[in-house]
C-alpha atoms as a PDB file:
ATOM      1  CA  MET A   1      -8.735  78.197  25.716  1.00  0.00           C
ATOM      2  CA  GLY A   2     -12.313  78.430  26.869  1.00  0.00           C
ATOM      3  CA  SER A   3     -15.641  76.795  27.546  1.00  0.00           C
ATOM      4  CA  ASP A   4     -18.622  76.877  25.199  1.00  0.00           C
ATOM      5  CA  VAL A   5     -21.979  76.235  26.876  1.00  0.00           C
ATOM      6  CA  ILE A   6     -23.938  76.329  23.603  1.00  0.00           C
ATOM      7  CA  ARG A   7     -21.773  73.670  21.909  1.00  0.00           C
ATOM      8  CA  ASP A   8     -21.340  71.800  25.240  1.00  0.00           C
ATOM      9  CA  GLY A   9     -17.576  71.518  25.368  1.00  0.00           C
ATOM     10  CA  MET A  10     -14.224  73.261  25.518  1.00  0.00           C
ATOM     11  CA  PHE A  11     -11.946  74.711  22.864  1.00  0.00           C
ATOM     12  CA  LEU A  12      -8.368  75.743  22.249  1.00  0.00           C
ATOM     13  CA  GLU A  13      -7.788  78.415  19.607  1.00  0.00           C
ATOM     14  CA  LEU A  14      -4.706  79.324  17.584  1.00  0.00           C
ATOM     15  CA  TRP A  15      -4.417  83.013  16.697  1.00  0.00           C
ATOM     16  CA  LYS A  16      -2.040  84.923  14.457  1.00  0.00           C
ATOM     17  CA  GLY A  17      -0.601  88.069  15.958  1.00  0.00           C
ATOM     18  CA  ASP A  18      -2.244  89.784  18.866  1.00  0.00           C
ATOM     19  CA  ARG A  19      -5.660  88.110  18.503  1.00  0.00           C
ATOM     20  CA  ASP A  20      -6.346  89.756  15.168  1.00  0.00           C
ATOM     21  CA  GLN A  21      -6.904  86.606  13.114  1.00  0.00           C
ATOM     22  CA  MET A  22      -7.977  83.137  14.277  1.00  0.00           C
ATOM     23  CA  ILE A  23      -6.136  80.399  12.395  1.00  0.00           C
ATOM     24  CA  ALA A  24      -7.593  77.192  13.853  1.00  0.00           C
ATOM     25  CA  GLU A  25      -9.554  75.677  16.718  1.00  0.00           C
ATOM     26  CA  VAL A  26      -9.696  72.264  18.369  1.00  0.00           C
ATOM     27  CA  PHE A  27     -13.023  71.599  20.086  1.00  0.00           C
ATOM     28  CA  TYR A  28     -13.747  68.821  22.591  1.00  0.00           C
ATOM     29  CA  ALA A  29     -17.457  67.939  22.655  1.00  0.00           C
ATOM     30  CA  ASP A  30     -18.498  66.648  26.074  1.00  0.00           C
ATOM     31  CA  GLU A  31     -21.551  64.692  24.904  1.00  0.00           C
ATOM     32  CA  LYS A  32     -19.835  62.950  21.982  1.00  0.00           C
ATOM     33  CA  ARG A  33     -16.506  62.695  23.853  1.00  0.00           C
ATOM     34  CA  GLU A  34     -14.552  63.545  20.731  1.00  0.00           C
ATOM     35  CA  PHE A  35     -12.228  66.179  19.330  1.00  0.00           C
ATOM     36  CA  SER A  36     -12.747  68.127  16.110  1.00  0.00           C
ATOM     37  CA  LEU A  37     -10.451  70.496  14.235  1.00  0.00           C
ATOM     38  CA  SER A  38     -11.561  73.590  12.328  1.00  0.00           C
ATOM     39  CA  THR A  39      -9.257  75.797  10.267  1.00  0.00           C
ATOM     40  CA  PHE A  40     -10.051  79.359   9.238  1.00  0.00           C
ATOM     41  CA  GLN A  41      -7.323  79.851   6.640  1.00  0.00           C
ATOM     42  CA  GLU A  42      -6.774  78.016   3.387  1.00  0.00           C
ATOM     43  CA  SER A  43      -3.252  76.926   4.298  1.00  0.00           C
ATOM     44  CA  VAL A  44      -2.020  76.307   7.844  1.00  0.00           C
ATOM     45  CA  PRO A  45       1.528  75.038   8.479  1.00  0.00           C
ATOM     46  CA  LEU A  46       1.549  71.420   9.629  1.00  0.00           C
ATOM     47  CA  PRO A  47       3.772  72.092  12.686  1.00  0.00           C
ATOM     48  CA  ALA A  48       1.196  74.618  13.920  1.00  0.00           C
ATOM     49  CA  ILE A  49      -1.625  72.076  13.573  1.00  0.00           C
ATOM     50  CA  GLU A  50       0.453  69.360  15.265  1.00  0.00           C
ATOM     51  CA  TRP A  51       1.197  71.710  18.169  1.00  0.00           C
ATOM     52  CA  LEU A  52      -2.467  72.717  18.490  1.00  0.00           C
ATOM     53  CA  ILE A  53      -3.667  69.103  18.539  1.00  0.00           C
ATOM     54  CA  HIS A  54      -1.026  68.081  21.090  1.00  0.00           C
ATOM     55  CA  GLU A  55      -1.874  71.016  23.366  1.00  0.00           C
ATOM     56  CA  ALA A  56      -5.618  70.361  23.068  1.00  0.00           C
ATOM     57  CA  GLN A  57      -5.180  66.713  24.043  1.00  0.00           C
ATOM     58  CA  ARG A  58      -3.060  67.793  27.002  1.00  0.00           C
ATOM     59  CA  ARG A  59      -5.111  70.774  28.187  1.00  0.00           C
ATOM     60  CA  LEU A  60      -8.758  70.079  27.384  1.00  0.00           C
ATOM     61  CA  PRO A  61     -10.592  67.842  29.839  1.00  0.00           C
ATOM     62  CA  GLN A  62     -11.553  64.445  28.564  1.00  0.00           C
ATOM     63  CA  GLU A  63     -14.222  62.775  30.608  1.00  0.00           C
ATOM     64  CA  GLY A  64     -13.746  59.079  31.024  1.00  0.00           C
END
């Protein structure tokens, strides 16, 4: 999880192993007030994506 000043938002990343390969990222854009999902592998198990989305909605700040 981290903040990205250039993209103006926060992100939650999913990594395989000990940070050797990023699998996916959910980004919350402050200005647009919306989430986006990026994957970095051709095939990502659905339970992993569901977990990532749930955790991002729970952990990333959403300005009202």
